[in-house]
């Protein structure tokens, strides 16, 4: 990792969720090669979108099974959301001493690349999969995950994992996924592990990113023994439950795991907070009075008599689903069948202020996965396919937080990014400069809203925004970074550890916008503006937007251009 660059290879790239999350975490993550191939389809929608947003350099739109490892650049971090399939072992390759799974099972392509890279294999790996990975298959609970852990251990990796529901940490979708982070045993990260239990529960990469408490009596500790073929044939055979908890660590095939319960008390995003104004919704997304009964039937509870292939009659039953979807909760999990006008049990339906029912727009589905607005907008990609792409995507905010944590473990300092995850990626030059010529400028109105409770007793810091930074703080964006002057000019009367909220002070205007202080740390101007070479220590506040006053409010600051007060003084009506 020369010159503080982490070279990334992104497999099964989709429309770039891993890339967006990692770039949002730190500028050091640089995607040097990526692969996206959708089998059994001529129109490669994800690849088309990926190239339109990030450019074609380093992009590969071919079946990964056909790509020689030698064609993949050496890299520091391998990432990918590989499909959940049957990972059982089909054969032993005597030629390489390695293993080969069933044809088309993409985990074994990851293994192949790592194995064939030999002494140049990446120091770090970061994968995403469905939550049931830890519990599959039904006949041999946990076998698939045991195969993955054992094969990574044999390649020299220490591996930690967490099953995370994005909504548990304030994100706008109830999407449970397994996140796997690994590091070679001689890496700077692996060297920091002291006790397995402390790493899993407190000190590790995922524990730092997503704190949790351990559910009582869930500890599971064991070894994964035997060859990969033996693990495939016999692991946990005959047992009804998986031995893997939803948070754990594996070192040298020894497993320590527990079940985790999320701990989070920050702002929360909801489905309703991410909808666009009703008057901008195209008519085809509304459900007609004629079609409404069909939707109500699909969403309702039902018992249906069916006949099996063998001719036996049986009763099929399913419970009712909420109709319409709740606006004050995160969305349900988006699936690939979300698009299209036909009635469906699983598609989201919301009720507008006027009382009409409608489906979700592609931009709203993007927001549920925390992609930039209109990320999948492309003249060659239909709205239905845009929905499909989001059903296959991951929540960028999860990747961002794990990416930040991994950076801190590698470099022992706070990460800095000039590309927050909400930033639109428009590659320059475009593949075809006239490609979007016939497209109308997409209308984006309201920014996403969050649920939270303001506490008037919490400390509020008000700080002057210098003239050259005013435009930045006048932009409507969900996150900001505020740099104070040099620390020696920051008032010693302000207790930094008590600060909770922040409001930027614009000269001749006053204060209006309220932010939550997510992180308060020591930094310097050169970390985001290296051309200044200004490494004088400064206080840095990483901020999350909450809301705004109806209009700017003037007040006086101290001689250092700061004010430490209580939120209740400014937001009196919230008391």
Protein backbone atom coordinates (compact mmCIF):
# COMPACT_ATOMS: atom_id res chain seq x y z
CA UNK A 1 0.00 0.00 0.00
CA UNK A 2 2.33 2.67 -1.29
CA UNK A 3 1.72 6.42 -0.92
CA UNK A 4 -1.25 5.71 1.31
CA UNK A 5 -3.39 4.11 -1.38
CA UNK A 6 -5.46 1.00 -0.84
CA UNK A 7 -5.88 -0.60 -4.24
CA UNK A 8 -9.29 -2.26 -4.52
CA UNK A 9 -10.60 -4.98 -6.82
CA UNK A 10 -14.41 -5.17 -6.86
CA UNK A 11 -16.03 -8.45 -7.92
CA UNK A 12 -19.76 -8.88 -8.68
CA UNK A 13 -19.75 -5.09 -8.72
CA UNK A 14 -23.40 -4.46 -9.61
CA UNK A 15 -23.77 -0.69 -9.93
CA UNK A 16 -20.88 0.06 -7.58
CA UNK A 17 -22.23 -0.10 -4.02
CA UNK A 18 -18.92 -1.23 -2.55
CA UNK A 19 -17.07 1.46 -4.47
CA UNK A 20 -19.42 4.22 -3.33
CA UNK A 21 -19.21 3.09 0.29
CA UNK A 22 -15.42 2.81 0.32
CA UNK A 23 -14.90 6.12 -1.50
CA UNK A 24 -17.25 7.68 1.05
CA UNK A 25 -15.09 6.24 3.82
CA UNK A 26 -11.71 7.53 2.64
CA UNK A 27 -9.94 8.91 -0.40
CA UNK A 28 -7.24 6.24 -0.06
CA UNK A 29 -9.55 3.54 -1.46
CA UNK A 30 -8.86 3.37 -5.19
CA UNK A 31 -10.73 0.85 -7.35
CA UNK A 32 -8.21 -0.38 -9.93
CA UNK A 33 -10.29 -3.19 -11.49
CA UNK A 34 -13.87 -4.33 -11.30
CA UNK A 35 -15.99 -7.10 -12.76
CA UNK A 36 -19.72 -7.20 -13.42
CA UNK A 37 -21.42 -9.89 -15.46
CA UNK A 38 -25.09 -10.82 -15.32
CA UNK A 39 -25.48 -14.40 -16.62
CA UNK A 40 -28.33 -15.39 -18.94
CA UNK A 41 -29.06 -11.86 -20.10
CA UNK A 42 -28.04 -9.98 -23.21
CA UNK A 43 -28.60 -6.48 -21.85
CA UNK A 44 -25.97 -5.89 -19.17
CA UNK A 45 -27.78 -3.12 -17.29
CA UNK A 46 -25.54 -3.07 -14.21
CA UNK A 47 -22.40 -2.90 -16.32
CA UNK A 48 -23.90 -0.09 -18.41
CA UNK A 49 -24.70 1.96 -15.30
CA UNK A 50 -21.33 1.23 -13.68
CA UNK A 51 -19.40 2.48 -16.71
CA UNK A 52 -21.62 5.54 -17.08
CA UNK A 53 -20.94 6.52 -13.47
CA UNK A 54 -17.30 5.51 -13.03
CA UNK A 55 -15.91 5.19 -16.57
CA UNK A 56 -14.75 2.12 -18.46
CA UNK A 57 -11.13 2.13 -17.24
CA UNK A 58 -10.50 -1.08 -15.31
CA UNK A 59 -14.04 -2.35 -15.95
CA UNK A 60 -14.57 -5.95 -17.08
CA UNK A 61 -17.96 -7.12 -18.37
CA UNK A 62 -17.11 -10.82 -18.77
CA UNK A 63 -17.95 -14.00 -16.90
CA UNK A 64 -15.51 -14.16 -13.97
CA UNK A 65 -15.16 -17.92 -14.57
CA UNK A 66 -13.35 -17.09 -17.82
CA UNK A 67 -10.96 -14.44 -16.46
CA UNK A 68 -7.40 -15.66 -15.78
CA UNK A 69 -6.08 -14.53 -12.40
CA UNK A 70 -3.07 -13.06 -14.23
CA UNK A 71 -5.43 -10.54 -15.88
CA UNK A 72 -6.54 -9.17 -12.51
CA UNK A 73 -4.18 -6.47 -11.19
CA UNK A 74 -2.43 -6.97 -7.87
CA UNK A 75 -4.37 -5.23 -5.14
CA UNK A 76 -4.60 -4.62 -1.39
CA UNK A 77 -8.32 -5.21 -0.81
CA UNK A 78 -10.66 -7.64 -2.55
CA UNK A 79 -14.38 -6.87 -2.16
CA UNK A 80 -17.62 -8.29 -3.50
CA UNK A 81 -21.19 -9.31 -2.79
CA UNK A 82 -21.03 -12.90 -4.03
CA UNK A 83 -24.27 -14.84 -4.65
CA UNK A 84 -25.55 -17.29 -2.03
CA UNK A 85 -25.33 -20.76 -3.53
CA UNK A 86 -24.46 -24.34 -2.57
CA UNK A 87 -20.77 -24.18 -1.67
CA UNK A 88 -20.18 -27.92 -1.33
CA UNK A 89 -16.96 -29.28 -2.78
CA UNK A 90 -17.07 -31.23 -6.03
CA UNK A 91 -13.45 -32.22 -6.56
CA UNK A 92 -9.85 -31.88 -5.51
CA UNK A 93 -7.40 -30.36 -7.95
CA UNK A 94 -4.28 -32.45 -7.54
CA UNK A 95 -2.50 -30.13 -9.93
CA UNK A 96 -2.64 -27.15 -7.59
CA UNK A 97 -3.51 -28.77 -4.27
CA UNK A 98 -6.50 -26.49 -4.16
CA UNK A 99 -10.23 -27.13 -4.27
CA UNK A 100 -12.97 -26.69 -6.79
CA UNK A 101 -16.66 -26.27 -6.08
CA UNK A 102 -19.63 -26.99 -8.26
CA UNK A 103 -19.53 -25.30 -11.63
CA UNK A 104 -20.82 -21.75 -11.55
CA UNK A 105 -20.61 -21.35 -7.76
CA UNK A 106 -18.93 -17.98 -7.53
CA UNK A 107 -17.37 -18.38 -4.09
CA UNK A 108 -14.86 -20.72 -5.68
CA UNK A 109 -13.87 -17.98 -8.13
CA UNK A 110 -12.98 -15.79 -5.14
CA UNK A 111 -11.00 -18.70 -3.73
CA UNK A 112 -9.30 -19.30 -7.08
CA UNK A 113 -8.17 -15.67 -7.35
CA UNK A 114 -6.86 -15.55 -3.78
CA UNK A 115 -5.14 -18.92 -4.13
CA UNK A 116 -3.49 -18.17 -7.48
CA UNK A 117 -2.27 -14.73 -6.35
CA UNK A 118 -0.02 -16.65 -3.91
CA UNK A 119 2.43 -14.22 -2.24
CA UNK A 120 0.69 -11.28 -3.97
CA UNK A 121 -2.77 -12.03 -2.61
CA UNK A 122 -4.45 -9.00 -1.02
CA UNK A 123 -3.79 -8.19 2.62
CA UNK A 124 -7.50 -7.55 3.19
CA UNK A 125 -10.85 -8.93 2.02
CA UNK A 126 -14.39 -7.60 2.50
CA UNK A 127 -17.46 -9.54 1.34
CA UNK A 128 -21.24 -9.32 1.66
CA UNK A 129 -23.83 -12.09 1.53
CA UNK A 130 -27.35 -12.89 2.70
CA UNK A 131 -27.93 -13.45 6.42
CA UNK A 132 -28.95 -17.08 5.95
CA UNK A 133 -25.38 -17.91 4.87
CA UNK A 134 -24.58 -18.77 8.52
CA UNK A 135 -27.48 -21.19 8.65
CA UNK A 136 -27.34 -23.04 5.32
CA UNK A 137 -27.99 -25.62 4.06
CA UNK A 138 -31.06 -26.89 5.94
CA UNK A 139 -29.66 -30.43 6.03
CA UNK A 140 -26.29 -29.41 7.49
CA UNK A 141 -26.67 -26.08 9.33
CA UNK A 142 -23.62 -23.80 9.00
CA UNK A 143 -21.73 -26.03 6.57
CA UNK A 144 -21.48 -23.42 3.82
CA UNK A 145 -20.02 -20.79 6.14
CA UNK A 146 -17.64 -23.34 7.66
CA UNK A 147 -16.32 -24.13 4.17
CA UNK A 148 -15.74 -20.42 3.50
CA UNK A 149 -13.96 -19.85 6.84
CA UNK A 150 -11.84 -22.97 6.54
CA UNK A 151 -10.73 -22.18 3.00
CA UNK A 152 -9.83 -18.59 4.00
CA UNK A 153 -7.92 -19.86 7.05
CA UNK A 154 -5.93 -22.21 4.79
CA UNK A 155 -5.00 -19.16 2.67
CA UNK A 156 -3.65 -17.36 5.76
CA UNK A 157 -6.57 -15.07 6.64
CA UNK A 158 -8.06 -14.12 9.98
CA UNK A 159 -11.77 -13.50 9.43
CA UNK A 160 -14.45 -11.64 11.38
CA UNK A 161 -18.12 -11.37 10.50
CA UNK A 162 -21.32 -9.64 11.52
CA UNK A 163 -24.93 -9.99 10.47
CA UNK A 164 -26.19 -6.40 10.35
CA UNK A 165 -29.67 -5.06 9.79
CA UNK A 166 -29.09 -1.59 8.30
CA UNK A 167 -32.26 -0.24 9.94
CA UNK A 168 -30.90 -1.09 13.41
CA UNK A 169 -28.30 1.65 12.88
CA UNK A 170 -30.59 4.39 11.60
CA UNK A 171 -30.46 3.53 7.90
CA UNK A 172 -33.59 3.62 5.74
CA UNK A 173 -34.08 -0.09 4.91
CA UNK A 174 -34.62 -3.25 6.92
CA UNK A 175 -31.95 -5.24 5.11
CA UNK A 176 -30.11 -7.99 7.02
CA UNK A 177 -26.86 -9.08 5.46
CA UNK A 178 -23.71 -10.93 6.49
CA UNK A 179 -20.53 -8.84 6.25
CA UNK A 180 -17.20 -10.68 6.20
CA UNK A 181 -13.90 -8.84 6.80
CA UNK A 182 -10.57 -10.65 6.67
CA UNK A 183 -6.88 -9.81 6.97
CA UNK A 184 -3.73 -11.81 6.45
CA UNK A 185 -2.16 -13.04 9.68
CA UNK A 186 0.94 -10.88 9.16
CA UNK A 187 -1.06 -7.70 8.45
CA UNK A 188 -1.07 -4.67 10.72
CA UNK A 189 -4.73 -5.34 11.58
CA UNK A 190 -4.33 -9.00 12.57
CA UNK A 191 -1.35 -8.07 14.75
CA UNK A 192 -3.65 -5.92 16.90
CA UNK A 193 -5.81 -8.85 18.02
CA UNK A 194 -5.11 -9.70 21.66
CA UNK A 195 -8.09 -11.77 22.83
CA UNK A 196 -10.66 -13.18 20.42
CA UNK A 197 -13.59 -12.34 22.69
CA UNK A 198 -12.48 -8.72 23.13
CA UNK A 199 -12.01 -8.31 19.39
CA UNK A 200 -15.47 -9.64 18.61
CA UNK A 201 -17.30 -7.68 21.29
CA UNK A 202 -15.34 -4.43 21.64
CA UNK A 203 -12.08 -3.92 19.74
CA UNK A 204 -12.58 -5.30 16.22
CA UNK A 205 -13.26 -3.64 12.88
CA UNK A 206 -16.99 -4.37 12.81
CA UNK A 207 -17.50 -3.85 16.57
CA UNK A 208 -16.05 -0.35 16.30
CA UNK A 209 -18.22 0.42 13.27
CA UNK A 210 -21.43 -1.05 14.69
CA UNK A 211 -21.47 -1.38 18.51
CA UNK A 212 -23.62 -4.08 20.08
CA UNK A 213 -24.31 -5.96 23.28
CA UNK A 214 -24.04 -9.73 23.56
CA UNK A 215 -27.23 -11.72 23.96
CA UNK A 216 -26.87 -13.88 27.09
CA UNK A 217 -25.96 -17.54 26.76
CA UNK A 218 -25.06 -17.38 23.05
CA UNK A 219 -21.31 -18.02 23.21
CA UNK A 220 -20.12 -20.67 20.75
CA UNK A 221 -16.45 -21.69 20.54
CA UNK A 222 -15.09 -24.57 18.45
CA UNK A 223 -12.58 -25.65 15.78
CA UNK A 224 -13.34 -26.37 12.12
CA UNK A 225 -11.47 -29.63 11.59
CA UNK A 226 -10.50 -31.72 8.59
CA UNK A 227 -9.82 -31.09 4.93
CA UNK A 228 -12.20 -28.86 3.01
CA UNK A 229 -13.74 -31.98 1.53
CA UNK A 230 -14.29 -33.40 5.04
CA UNK A 231 -15.82 -30.12 6.21
CA UNK A 232 -18.14 -30.23 3.21
CA UNK A 233 -19.20 -33.80 3.92
CA UNK A 234 -19.49 -33.81 7.69
CA UNK A 235 -19.61 -30.38 9.36
CA UNK A 236 -22.45 -30.17 11.92
CA UNK A 237 -24.18 -33.13 10.28
CA UNK A 238 -27.43 -34.13 11.94
CA UNK A 239 -27.63 -30.94 14.07
CA UNK A 240 -30.72 -28.75 13.92
CA UNK A 241 -29.01 -25.41 14.64
CA UNK A 242 -25.95 -23.65 13.29
CA UNK A 243 -23.02 -23.27 15.69
CA UNK A 244 -22.27 -19.80 14.30
CA UNK A 245 -23.47 -16.72 16.13
CA UNK A 246 -24.21 -13.56 14.12
CA UNK A 247 -20.94 -11.95 15.30
CA UNK A 248 -17.64 -13.77 15.41
CA UNK A 249 -13.97 -14.23 14.65
CA UNK A 250 -11.99 -17.12 13.14
CA UNK A 251 -8.23 -17.55 13.63
CA UNK A 252 -6.39 -20.67 12.47
CA UNK A 253 -9.77 -22.39 12.11
CA UNK A 254 -10.69 -21.67 15.72
CA UNK A 255 -14.08 -19.95 15.96
CA UNK A 256 -15.37 -17.62 18.67
CA UNK A 257 -18.89 -16.28 18.13
CA UNK A 258 -21.89 -14.75 19.93
CA UNK A 259 -25.26 -13.34 18.98
CA UNK A 260 -25.22 -9.55 18.79
CA UNK A 261 -27.97 -7.08 19.67
CA UNK A 262 -27.54 -3.66 18.04
CA UNK A 263 -26.85 -0.59 20.19
CA UNK A 264 -27.73 2.73 18.54
CA UNK A 265 -29.46 5.92 19.71
CA UNK A 266 -28.88 8.33 16.81
CA UNK A 267 -31.20 9.73 14.11
CA UNK A 268 -33.19 7.23 12.06
CA UNK A 269 -34.28 7.36 8.44
CA UNK A 270 -37.71 6.15 7.36
CA UNK A 271 -39.48 5.21 4.15
CA UNK A 272 -41.66 8.32 4.33
CA UNK A 273 -38.67 10.57 4.91
CA UNK A 274 -37.15 9.49 1.59
CA UNK A 275 -40.19 9.98 -0.68
CA UNK A 276 -40.31 12.73 -3.27
CA UNK A 277 -43.17 15.21 -3.54
CA UNK A 278 -46.41 13.73 -4.84
CA UNK A 279 -46.84 16.27 -7.62
CA UNK A 280 -43.60 15.07 -9.25
CA UNK A 281 -44.57 11.39 -9.37
CA UNK A 282 -45.36 10.18 -12.93
CA UNK A 283 -48.93 8.97 -13.35
CA UNK A 284 -47.88 5.41 -14.25
CA UNK A 285 -46.64 4.86 -10.69
CA UNK A 286 -50.10 5.44 -9.20
CA UNK A 287 -52.43 2.48 -8.70
CA UNK A 288 -55.80 2.94 -10.39
CA UNK A 289 -59.09 2.34 -8.56
CA UNK A 290 -59.65 -0.55 -10.96
CA UNK A 291 -56.38 -2.28 -10.01
CA UNK A 292 -56.51 -1.55 -6.27
CA UNK A 293 -58.54 -4.68 -5.31
CA UNK A 294 -55.91 -6.89 -6.93
CA UNK A 295 -53.17 -5.26 -4.81
CA UNK A 296 -55.28 -5.61 -1.67
CA UNK A 297 -55.79 -9.31 -2.44
CA UNK A 298 -52.07 -9.93 -3.00
CA UNK A 299 -51.19 -8.18 0.27
CA UNK A 300 -53.91 -9.85 2.32
CA UNK A 301 -54.00 -13.10 4.29
CA UNK A 302 -55.24 -16.07 2.28
CA UNK A 303 -55.78 -19.83 2.25
CA UNK A 304 -55.76 -21.54 -1.14
CA UNK A 305 -56.28 -25.20 -1.97
CA UNK A 306 -53.53 -26.48 -4.26
CA UNK A 307 -52.59 -29.77 -5.87
CA UNK A 308 -49.05 -31.17 -5.78
CA UNK A 309 -47.30 -32.74 -8.77
CA UNK A 310 -48.19 -36.12 -7.33
CA UNK A 311 -51.88 -35.18 -7.27
CA UNK A 312 -52.26 -34.60 -3.53
CA UNK A 313 -54.41 -31.70 -2.38
CA UNK A 314 -53.04 -29.37 0.27
CA UNK A 315 -53.89 -25.98 1.78
CA UNK A 316 -51.50 -23.13 1.01
CA UNK A 317 -51.75 -20.25 3.47
CA UNK A 318 -49.92 -16.98 4.05
CA UNK A 319 -50.38 -14.11 6.47
CA UNK A 320 -51.31 -10.57 5.55
CA UNK A 321 -48.78 -7.82 4.87
CA UNK A 322 -49.11 -4.17 5.83
CA UNK A 323 -51.00 -2.21 3.20
CA UNK A 324 -49.99 0.46 2.56
CA UNK A 325 -46.40 0.34 3.84
CA UNK A 326 -45.71 2.31 7.01
CA UNK A 327 -44.14 5.70 6.31
CA UNK A 328 -42.72 6.21 9.81
CA UNK A 329 -40.57 3.05 9.69
CA UNK A 330 -37.63 1.97 7.49
CA UNK A 331 -38.68 0.24 4.30
CA UNK A 332 -38.98 -3.51 4.03
CA UNK A 333 -36.16 -5.30 2.21
CA UNK A 334 -36.11 -4.31 -1.45
CA UNK A 335 -36.20 -7.34 -3.75
CA UNK A 336 -35.33 -7.70 -7.43
CA UNK A 337 -39.03 -7.94 -8.37
CA UNK A 338 -39.80 -4.46 -7.01
CA UNK A 339 -40.30 -2.94 -10.47
CA UNK A 340 -43.26 -3.13 -12.84
CA UNK A 341 -46.92 -2.18 -12.57
CA UNK A 342 -48.39 -5.64 -11.89
CA UNK A 343 -49.82 -6.30 -8.42
CA UNK A 344 -47.45 -8.09 -6.08
CA UNK A 345 -47.34 -9.17 -2.46
CA UNK A 346 -43.75 -8.00 -2.04
CA UNK A 347 -43.63 -4.64 -3.80
CA UNK A 348 -43.85 -1.51 -1.70
CA UNK A 349 -47.04 0.57 -1.88
CA UNK A 350 -47.36 3.96 -0.15
CA UNK A 351 -50.35 6.24 0.34
CA UNK A 352 -49.85 9.86 -0.64
CA UNK A 353 -51.20 12.96 1.14
CA UNK A 354 -54.07 13.09 -1.35
CA UNK A 355 -55.09 9.54 -0.41
CA UNK A 356 -53.91 7.86 -3.61
CA UNK A 357 -51.78 4.69 -3.61
CA UNK A 358 -48.58 4.36 -5.59
CA UNK A 359 -45.47 2.28 -6.15
CA UNK A 360 -41.97 3.51 -5.36
CA UNK A 361 -39.89 5.41 -7.91
CA UNK A 362 -36.38 4.24 -8.81
CA UNK A 363 -34.88 7.28 -7.07
CA UNK A 364 -36.66 6.28 -3.86
CA UNK A 365 -35.35 2.72 -4.13
CA UNK A 366 -31.86 4.19 -4.56
CA UNK A 367 -32.34 6.18 -1.37
CA UNK A 368 -33.32 3.04 0.53
CA UNK A 369 -29.86 1.65 -0.33
CA UNK A 370 -28.20 5.06 0.33
CA UNK A 371 -27.02 5.50 -3.27
CA UNK A 372 -26.76 9.00 -4.76
CA UNK A 373 -30.02 10.23 -6.25
CA UNK A 374 -30.54 9.01 -9.84
CA UNK A 375 -27.44 6.81 -9.70
CA UNK A 376 -29.06 4.22 -11.99
CA UNK A 377 -30.68 6.76 -14.32
CA UNK A 378 -29.67 5.88 -17.88
CA UNK A 379 -31.49 6.09 -21.23
CA UNK A 380 -30.76 2.41 -21.92
CA UNK A 381 -32.03 1.14 -18.55
CA UNK A 382 -35.77 0.90 -17.88
CA UNK A 383 -37.41 1.79 -14.58
CA UNK A 384 -38.16 -1.90 -14.02
CA UNK A 385 -34.51 -2.80 -14.46
CA UNK A 386 -33.46 0.07 -12.19
CA UNK A 387 -35.63 -1.52 -9.51
CA UNK A 388 -34.01 -4.91 -10.21
CA UNK A 389 -30.56 -3.36 -9.76
CA UNK A 390 -31.52 -1.95 -6.36
CA UNK A 391 -32.96 -5.31 -5.31
CA UNK A 392 -29.51 -6.77 -5.96
CA UNK A 393 -27.59 -3.93 -4.31
CA UNK A 394 -26.29 -3.42 -0.78
CA UNK A 395 -26.70 -0.52 1.65
CA UNK A 396 -23.79 1.83 0.92
CA UNK A 397 -23.84 3.25 4.45
CA UNK A 398 -22.84 -0.11 5.94
CA UNK A 399 -19.82 -0.37 3.63
CA UNK A 400 -18.89 3.23 4.40
CA UNK A 401 -18.76 2.65 8.16
CA UNK A 402 -16.82 -0.60 7.91
CA UNK A 403 -14.47 1.07 5.40
CA UNK A 404 -13.81 3.89 7.88
CA UNK A 405 -13.12 1.43 10.68
CA UNK A 406 -10.77 -0.68 8.55
CA UNK A 407 -8.85 2.46 7.55
CA UNK A 408 -8.39 3.43 11.20
CA UNK A 409 -6.98 -0.01 12.03
CA UNK A 410 -4.54 0.17 9.11
CA UNK A 411 -3.28 3.73 9.57
CA UNK A 412 -4.08 4.57 13.22
CA UNK A 413 -5.73 7.83 12.25
CA UNK A 414 -9.13 9.18 11.26
CA UNK A 415 -10.20 8.67 7.61
CA UNK A 416 -11.00 11.64 5.38
CA UNK A 417 -13.11 11.58 2.22
CA UNK A 418 -13.87 14.23 -0.39
CA UNK A 419 -16.53 11.95 -1.92
CA UNK A 420 -19.40 11.39 0.55
CA UNK A 421 -21.76 8.57 -0.44
CA UNK A 422 -24.49 11.01 -1.51
CA UNK A 423 -22.17 12.58 -4.12
CA UNK A 424 -23.31 11.86 -7.69
CA UNK A 425 -20.74 9.95 -9.71
CA UNK A 426 -20.69 11.22 -13.29
CA UNK A 427 -17.67 9.89 -15.09
CA UNK A 428 -15.80 12.29 -17.34
CA UNK A 429 -15.51 11.92 -20.20
CA UNK A 430 -18.81 10.08 -20.69
CA UNK A 431 -18.83 6.93 -22.78
CA UNK A 432 -20.75 8.88 -25.38
CA UNK A 433 -20.98 12.65 -25.01
CA UNK A 434 -24.44 12.63 -26.60
CA UNK A 435 -25.79 9.74 -24.58
CA UNK A 436 -27.98 11.80 -22.27
CA UNK A 437 -28.85 14.51 -24.78
CA UNK A 438 -32.53 13.60 -24.90
CA UNK A 439 -32.92 13.18 -21.16
CA UNK A 440 -34.75 15.83 -19.20
CA UNK A 441 -32.92 17.06 -16.12
CA UNK A 442 -34.11 14.79 -13.30
CA UNK A 443 -36.23 16.59 -10.71
CA UNK A 444 -35.04 16.09 -7.17
CA UNK A 445 -36.81 18.18 -4.57
CA UNK A 446 -36.97 17.33 -0.89
CA UNK A 447 -33.91 15.97 0.82
CA UNK A 448 -34.38 12.86 2.98
CA UNK A 449 -35.72 13.46 6.49
CA UNK A 450 -34.89 11.58 9.67
CA UNK A 451 -36.59 10.73 12.94
CA UNK A 452 -34.94 11.99 16.14
CA UNK A 453 -35.71 13.81 19.37
CA UNK A 454 -34.01 17.12 20.06
CA UNK A 455 -32.68 17.47 23.61
CA UNK A 456 -32.71 21.14 24.77
CA UNK A 457 -30.32 20.29 27.64
CA UNK A 458 -27.50 19.15 25.33
CA UNK A 459 -24.58 21.45 24.59
CA UNK A 460 -24.61 23.33 21.28
CA UNK A 461 -21.47 24.78 19.70
CA UNK A 462 -21.89 27.68 17.29
CA UNK A 463 -18.86 28.39 15.10
CA UNK A 464 -18.02 31.01 12.50
CA UNK A 465 -17.79 29.88 8.90
CA UNK A 466 -15.01 31.69 7.07
CA UNK A 467 -15.89 33.52 3.87
CA UNK A 468 -14.22 31.01 1.53
CA UNK A 469 -16.25 28.18 3.11
CA UNK A 470 -19.69 29.79 3.17
CA UNK A 471 -20.83 28.26 -0.12
CA UNK A 472 -20.01 24.79 1.22
CA UNK A 473 -22.18 25.31 4.30
CA UNK A 474 -25.04 26.81 2.28
CA UNK A 475 -25.36 23.63 0.18
CA UNK A 476 -28.10 21.20 1.23
CA UNK A 477 -26.13 18.04 1.96
CA UNK A 478 -26.63 15.39 4.67
CA UNK A 479 -23.08 15.47 6.05
CA UNK A 480 -20.44 18.16 6.50
CA UNK A 481 -16.98 18.54 8.03
CA UNK A 482 -16.14 21.68 10.03
CA UNK A 483 -12.53 22.64 10.72
CA UNK A 484 -11.88 25.15 13.50
CA UNK A 485 -8.96 27.52 13.47
CA UNK A 486 -5.71 26.29 14.97
CA UNK A 487 -6.27 24.61 18.33
CA UNK A 488 -4.44 27.37 20.22
CA UNK A 489 -7.17 29.80 19.11
CA UNK A 490 -10.04 27.56 20.21
CA UNK A 491 -11.53 28.81 23.50
CA UNK A 492 -10.34 26.74 26.46
CA UNK A 493 -13.68 27.32 28.20
CA UNK A 494 -15.44 24.96 25.77
CA UNK A 495 -15.59 21.36 27.02
CA UNK A 496 -15.31 19.40 23.78
CA UNK A 497 -16.47 16.14 25.36
CA UNK A 498 -19.82 17.76 26.27
CA UNK A 499 -20.60 19.09 22.78
CA UNK A 500 -23.53 17.36 21.07
CA UNK A 501 -24.94 19.75 18.43
CA UNK A 502 -23.36 22.28 16.06
CA UNK A 503 -24.68 25.27 14.11
CA UNK A 504 -22.54 27.11 11.52
CA UNK A 505 -22.55 30.91 11.86
CA UNK A 506 -22.64 32.79 8.55
CA UNK A 507 -21.50 36.41 8.80
CA UNK A 508 -24.28 38.96 8.28
CA UNK A 509 -26.83 36.12 8.40
CA UNK A 510 -26.43 34.30 11.70
CA UNK A 511 -27.41 30.67 12.36
CA UNK A 512 -30.06 28.47 10.75
CA UNK A 513 -28.94 24.87 10.16
CA UNK A 514 -28.62 22.37 13.00
CA UNK A 515 -26.21 19.42 12.89
CA UNK A 516 -25.47 16.47 15.13
CA UNK A 517 -21.76 16.14 15.99
CA UNK A 518 -20.95 12.60 14.91
CA UNK A 519 -17.20 12.76 15.55
CA UNK A 520 -15.01 15.36 17.30
CA UNK A 521 -11.29 14.81 16.71
CA UNK A 522 -7.92 16.45 16.10
CA UNK A 523 -7.00 16.95 12.45
CA UNK A 524 -5.42 19.45 10.10
CA UNK A 525 -6.25 21.35 6.96
CA UNK A 526 -3.78 19.37 4.80
CA UNK A 527 -5.76 16.15 5.26
CA UNK A 528 -8.43 17.42 2.87
CA UNK A 529 -6.42 20.22 1.18
CA UNK A 530 -2.89 18.78 0.83
CA UNK A 531 -1.81 21.66 -1.40
CA UNK A 532 -1.88 23.99 1.65
CA UNK A 533 0.75 21.91 3.50
CA UNK A 534 -0.95 23.20 6.65
CA UNK A 535 -0.43 20.51 9.30
CA UNK A 536 -1.16 22.70 12.33
CA UNK A 537 -3.51 20.81 14.67
CA UNK A 538 -7.17 21.81 14.48
CA UNK A 539 -10.38 20.55 15.98
CA UNK A 540 -12.47 18.73 13.39
CA UNK A 541 -16.20 18.08 13.71
CA UNK A 542 -17.84 15.51 11.43
CA UNK A 543 -21.49 16.58 11.21
CA UNK A 544 -24.86 15.08 10.28
CA UNK A 545 -27.65 17.47 9.23
CA UNK A 546 -30.84 17.40 11.31
CA UNK A 547 -33.04 20.40 10.48
CA UNK A 548 -33.18 24.18 9.99
CA UNK A 549 -34.80 27.15 11.67
CA UNK A 550 -37.48 28.91 9.57
CA UNK A 551 -35.04 31.78 9.04
CA UNK A 552 -31.57 32.90 10.07
CA UNK A 553 -31.17 34.09 13.65
CA UNK A 554 -28.53 36.63 14.65
CA UNK A 555 -26.58 36.34 17.90
CA UNK A 556 -23.24 37.37 19.32
CA UNK A 557 -20.10 35.21 19.45
CA UNK A 558 -17.07 35.51 21.71
CA UNK A 559 -13.76 37.00 20.62
CA UNK A 560 -12.71 33.62 19.18
CA UNK A 561 -15.88 33.54 17.02
CA UNK A 562 -17.46 30.65 18.91
CA UNK A 563 -20.36 30.25 21.30
CA UNK A 564 -21.03 27.33 23.67
CA UNK A 565 -24.65 27.24 24.78
CA UNK A 566 -27.58 24.85 25.15
CA UNK A 567 -29.82 23.78 22.29
CA UNK A 568 -32.87 25.02 24.23
CA UNK A 569 -31.74 28.62 23.85
CA UNK A 570 -31.97 28.47 20.05
CA UNK A 571 -34.76 25.93 19.64
CA UNK A 572 -37.04 27.15 22.42
CA UNK A 573 -40.17 25.86 20.73
CA UNK A 574 -38.75 22.32 20.88
CA UNK A 575 -38.63 22.26 24.70
